[in-house]
């Protein structure tokens, strides 16, 4: 994706070293330049395995092994299943999901001041980068 107004600026030309970011850290420019619906696709067998394998450690902030030791082996499966169903619900009833999000966030701010709901933003960003999504537009029938 080139910028016709300035050929020296284009998608994915910024790297961590030139943007002043640490190695392995995504810069704001790289995030901006990412074409989410073009650059990636889901696995052929669906997103469930990726949701389990990649998002559980991000949102639970521990490895699968540590999570199983602390809460049992079924916890990670339940979390992944809940996240998948939550995504479906959030897309089918976005107004309700947004309202409930604000209630949950308000609860955390009041009842769990030691936990920072702003961490959710970083976890969401890490999830988006862990499982990029592409929609096969040509295959979707109207």
C-alpha atoms as a PDB file:
ATOM      1  CA  UNK A   1       0.000   0.000   0.000  1.00  0.00           C
ATOM      2  CA  UNK A   2       2.000   2.957  -1.261  1.00  0.00           C
ATOM      3  CA  UNK A   3       1.320   6.575  -0.562  1.00  0.00           C
ATOM      4  CA  UNK A   4       1.123   8.295  -3.992  1.00  0.00           C
ATOM      5  CA  UNK A   5       1.558  11.713  -2.378  1.00  0.00           C
ATOM      6  CA  UNK A   6       4.826  10.713  -0.743  1.00  0.00           C
ATOM      7  CA  UNK A   7       6.542   7.638  -2.248  1.00  0.00           C
ATOM      8  CA  UNK A   8       9.002   7.496   0.641  1.00  0.00           C
ATOM      9  CA  UNK A   9       6.167   6.713   3.063  1.00  0.00           C
ATOM     10  CA  UNK A  10       4.362   3.416   2.644  1.00  0.00           C
ATOM     11  CA  UNK A  11       2.851   0.534   4.524  1.00  0.00           C
ATOM     12  CA  UNK A  12       5.195  -1.657   6.507  1.00  0.00           C
ATOM     13  CA  UNK A  13       8.275   0.443   5.761  1.00  0.00           C
ATOM     14  CA  UNK A  14       8.776   1.423   9.387  1.00  0.00           C
ATOM     15  CA  UNK A  15      10.770  -0.971  11.511  1.00  0.00           C
ATOM     16  CA  UNK A  16      11.302  -1.056  15.256  1.00  0.00           C
ATOM     17  CA  UNK A  17      14.857   0.268  15.008  1.00  0.00           C
ATOM     18  CA  UNK A  18      13.986   3.330  12.912  1.00  0.00           C
ATOM     19  CA  UNK A  19      10.859   4.116  14.927  1.00  0.00           C
ATOM     20  CA  UNK A  20      12.680   4.019  18.246  1.00  0.00           C
ATOM     21  CA  UNK A  21      10.781   0.957  19.470  1.00  0.00           C
ATOM     22  CA  UNK A  22      12.343  -1.953  21.270  1.00  0.00           C
ATOM     23  CA  UNK A  23      12.932  -5.165  19.350  1.00  0.00           C
ATOM     24  CA  UNK A  24       9.720  -7.183  19.124  1.00  0.00           C
ATOM     25  CA  UNK A  25       7.574  -4.164  19.976  1.00  0.00           C
ATOM     26  CA  UNK A  26       5.010  -2.966  17.468  1.00  0.00           C
ATOM     27  CA  UNK A  27       5.238   0.717  16.688  1.00  0.00           C
ATOM     28  CA  UNK A  28       2.231   2.967  16.297  1.00  0.00           C
ATOM     29  CA  UNK A  29       3.122   3.390  12.599  1.00  0.00           C
ATOM     30  CA  UNK A  30       3.299  -0.376  12.039  1.00  0.00           C
ATOM     31  CA  UNK A  31      -0.083  -0.798  13.743  1.00  0.00           C
ATOM     32  CA  UNK A  32      -1.526   1.979  11.588  1.00  0.00           C
ATOM     33  CA  UNK A  33      -0.055   0.524   8.387  1.00  0.00           C
ATOM     34  CA  UNK A  34      -1.331  -3.012   9.001  1.00  0.00           C
ATOM     35  CA  UNK A  35      -4.093  -3.858   6.539  1.00  0.00           C
ATOM     36  CA  UNK A  36      -5.956  -6.281   8.796  1.00  0.00           C
ATOM     37  CA  UNK A  37      -8.425  -7.621   6.288  1.00  0.00           C
ATOM     38  CA  UNK A  38      -5.855  -8.195   3.565  1.00  0.00           C
ATOM     39  CA  UNK A  39      -2.646  -9.342   5.196  1.00  0.00           C
ATOM     40  CA  UNK A  40      -3.795 -12.446   7.066  1.00  0.00           C
ATOM     41  CA  UNK A  41      -6.291 -15.284   7.219  1.00  0.00           C
ATOM     42  CA  UNK A  42      -7.683 -17.759   9.719  1.00  0.00           C
ATOM     43  CA  UNK A  43      -6.600 -21.400   9.758  1.00  0.00           C
ATOM     44  CA  UNK A  44      -8.623 -23.804   7.617  1.00  0.00           C
ATOM     45  CA  UNK A  45      -9.945 -25.637  10.681  1.00  0.00           C
ATOM     46  CA  UNK A  46     -11.371 -22.438  12.180  1.00  0.00           C
ATOM     47  CA  UNK A  47     -10.332 -20.061  14.920  1.00  0.00           C
ATOM     48  CA  UNK A  48     -11.077 -22.206  17.993  1.00  0.00           C
ATOM     49  CA  UNK A  49      -7.573 -23.663  18.335  1.00  0.00           C
ATOM     50  CA  UNK A  50      -5.948 -20.243  17.893  1.00  0.00           C
ATOM     51  CA  UNK A  51      -8.315 -18.722  20.451  1.00  0.00           C
ATOM     52  CA  UNK A  52      -7.375 -21.450  22.931  1.00  0.00           C
ATOM     53  CA  UNK A  53      -3.650 -21.545  22.185  1.00  0.00           C
ATOM     54  CA  UNK A  54      -2.962 -17.834  21.752  1.00  0.00           C
ATOM     55  CA  UNK A  55      -5.507 -15.792  23.694  1.00  0.00           C
ATOM     56  CA  UNK A  56      -5.730 -17.740  26.957  1.00  0.00           C
ATOM     57  CA  UNK A  57      -2.155 -16.842  28.004  1.00  0.00           C
ATOM     58  CA  UNK A  58      -2.719 -13.208  26.996  1.00  0.00           C
ATOM     59  CA  UNK A  59      -5.937 -12.671  28.957  1.00  0.00           C
ATOM     60  CA  UNK A  60      -5.189 -14.977  31.901  1.00  0.00           C
ATOM     61  CA  UNK A  61      -1.614 -13.652  32.126  1.00  0.00           C
ATOM     62  CA  UNK A  62      -0.087 -17.082  32.667  1.00  0.00           C
ATOM     63  CA  UNK A  63       0.889 -20.133  30.653  1.00  0.00           C
ATOM     64  CA  UNK A  64      -1.515 -23.001  30.029  1.00  0.00           C
ATOM     65  CA  UNK A  65       0.556 -25.147  32.381  1.00  0.00           C
ATOM     66  CA  UNK A  66       0.457 -22.590  35.220  1.00  0.00           C
ATOM     67  CA  UNK A  67      -3.247 -22.017  34.671  1.00  0.00           C
ATOM     68  CA  UNK A  68      -3.963 -25.774  34.794  1.00  0.00           C
ATOM     69  CA  UNK A  69      -1.962 -26.115  38.001  1.00  0.00           C
ATOM     70  CA  UNK A  70      -3.754 -23.200  39.642  1.00  0.00           C
ATOM     71  CA  UNK A  71      -7.356 -23.645  38.390  1.00  0.00           C
ATOM     72  CA  UNK A  72      -7.508 -27.066  36.722  1.00  0.00           C
ATOM     73  CA  UNK A  73      -7.031 -28.223  33.145  1.00  0.00           C
ATOM     74  CA  UNK A  74     -10.585 -27.375  32.098  1.00  0.00           C
ATOM     75  CA  UNK A  75     -10.302 -23.665  32.943  1.00  0.00           C
ATOM     76  CA  UNK A  76      -8.435 -22.702  29.758  1.00  0.00           C
ATOM     77  CA  UNK A  77     -10.968 -24.570  27.593  1.00  0.00           C
ATOM     78  CA  UNK A  78     -13.845 -22.820  29.345  1.00  0.00           C
ATOM     79  CA  UNK A  79     -12.184 -19.452  28.957  1.00  0.00           C
ATOM     80  CA  UNK A  80     -11.543 -19.983  25.235  1.00  0.00           C
ATOM     81  CA  UNK A  81     -15.100 -21.230  24.668  1.00  0.00           C
ATOM     82  CA  UNK A  82     -16.496 -18.237  26.557  1.00  0.00           C
ATOM     83  CA  UNK A  83     -14.374 -15.821  24.548  1.00  0.00           C
ATOM     84  CA  UNK A  84     -15.557 -17.382  21.282  1.00  0.00           C
ATOM     85  CA  UNK A  85     -19.218 -17.198  22.314  1.00  0.00           C
ATOM     86  CA  UNK A  86     -18.668 -13.654  23.618  1.00  0.00           C
ATOM     87  CA  UNK A  87     -17.357 -12.604  20.208  1.00  0.00           C
ATOM     88  CA  UNK A  88     -20.452 -14.048  18.572  1.00  0.00           C
ATOM     89  CA  UNK A  89     -22.755 -12.295  21.046  1.00  0.00           C
ATOM     90  CA  UNK A  90     -20.886  -8.979  20.707  1.00  0.00           C
ATOM     91  CA  UNK A  91     -21.400  -9.051  16.956  1.00  0.00           C
ATOM     92  CA  UNK A  92     -25.027 -10.137  17.029  1.00  0.00           C
ATOM     93  CA  UNK A  93     -26.010  -7.728  19.831  1.00  0.00           C
ATOM     94  CA  UNK A  94     -23.325  -4.994  19.842  1.00  0.00           C
ATOM     95  CA  UNK A  95     -25.379  -2.436  21.780  1.00  0.00           C
ATOM     96  CA  UNK A  96     -25.995  -4.890  24.600  1.00  0.00           C
ATOM     97  CA  UNK A  97     -22.360  -6.033  24.631  1.00  0.00           C
ATOM     98  CA  UNK A  98     -21.142  -2.430  24.804  1.00  0.00           C
ATOM     99  CA  UNK A  99     -23.509  -1.665  27.671  1.00  0.00           C
ATOM    100  CA  UNK A 100     -22.466  -4.764  29.605  1.00  0.00           C
ATOM    101  CA  UNK A 101     -18.792  -3.924  28.995  1.00  0.00           C
ATOM    102  CA  UNK A 102     -19.306  -0.556  30.722  1.00  0.00           C
ATOM    103  CA  UNK A 103     -21.042  -2.256  33.671  1.00  0.00           C
ATOM    104  CA  UNK A 104     -18.204  -4.797  34.011  1.00  0.00           C
ATOM    105  CA  UNK A 105     -15.568  -2.076  33.753  1.00  0.00           C
ATOM    106  CA  UNK A 106     -17.364   0.046  36.352  1.00  0.00           C
ATOM    107  CA  UNK A 107     -17.507  -2.981  38.673  1.00  0.00           C
ATOM    108  CA  UNK A 108     -13.755  -3.583  38.315  1.00  0.00           C
ATOM    109  CA  UNK A 109     -12.919   0.061  38.982  1.00  0.00           C
ATOM    110  CA  UNK A 110     -14.987   0.022  42.190  1.00  0.00           C
ATOM    111  CA  UNK A 111     -14.556  -3.526  43.509  1.00  0.00           C
ATOM    112  CA  UNK A 112     -11.020  -4.343  42.352  1.00  0.00           C
ATOM    113  CA  UNK A 113      -8.992  -1.123  42.496  1.00  0.00           C
ATOM    114  CA  UNK A 114      -5.762  -3.152  42.447  1.00  0.00           C
ATOM    115  CA  UNK A 115      -6.652  -4.470  38.988  1.00  0.00           C
ATOM    116  CA  UNK A 116      -6.376  -1.938  36.196  1.00  0.00           C
ATOM    117  CA  UNK A 117      -9.096  -2.333  33.540  1.00  0.00           C
ATOM    118  CA  UNK A 118      -6.840  -0.302  31.263  1.00  0.00           C
ATOM    119  CA  UNK A 119      -4.708  -3.460  31.012  1.00  0.00           C
ATOM    120  CA  UNK A 120      -7.576  -4.803  28.914  1.00  0.00           C
ATOM    121  CA  UNK A 121      -6.541  -2.423  26.133  1.00  0.00           C
ATOM    122  CA  UNK A 122      -3.066  -3.942  25.978  1.00  0.00           C
ATOM    123  CA  UNK A 123      -4.492  -7.467  26.156  1.00  0.00           C
ATOM    124  CA  UNK A 124      -6.904  -6.655  23.334  1.00  0.00           C
ATOM    125  CA  UNK A 125      -4.054  -5.262  21.239  1.00  0.00           C
ATOM    126  CA  UNK A 126      -1.914  -8.348  21.861  1.00  0.00           C
ATOM    127  CA  UNK A 127      -4.868 -10.563  20.908  1.00  0.00           C
ATOM    128  CA  UNK A 128      -5.406  -8.675  17.648  1.00  0.00           C
ATOM    129  CA  UNK A 129      -1.744  -9.128  16.750  1.00  0.00           C
ATOM    130  CA  UNK A 130      -1.724 -12.800  17.828  1.00  0.00           C
ATOM    131  CA  UNK A 131      -4.731 -13.707  15.656  1.00  0.00           C
ATOM    132  CA  UNK A 132      -4.963 -11.359  12.678  1.00  0.00           C
ATOM    133  CA  UNK A 133      -8.131 -11.805  10.626  1.00  0.00           C
ATOM    134  CA  UNK A 134      -8.925 -11.788   6.929  1.00  0.00           C
ATOM    135  CA  UNK A 135     -12.341 -12.101   5.371  1.00  0.00           C
ATOM    136  CA  UNK A 136     -12.496 -13.981   2.051  1.00  0.00           C
ATOM    137  CA  UNK A 137     -14.747 -11.403   0.395  1.00  0.00           C
ATOM    138  CA  UNK A 138     -15.090 -13.270  -2.886  1.00  0.00           C
ATOM    139  CA  UNK A 139     -16.428 -16.355  -1.112  1.00  0.00           C
ATOM    140  CA  UNK A 140     -19.145 -14.548   0.842  1.00  0.00           C
ATOM    141  CA  UNK A 141     -22.472 -14.677  -0.922  1.00  0.00           C
ATOM    142  CA  UNK A 142     -24.845 -11.715  -0.569  1.00  0.00           C
END
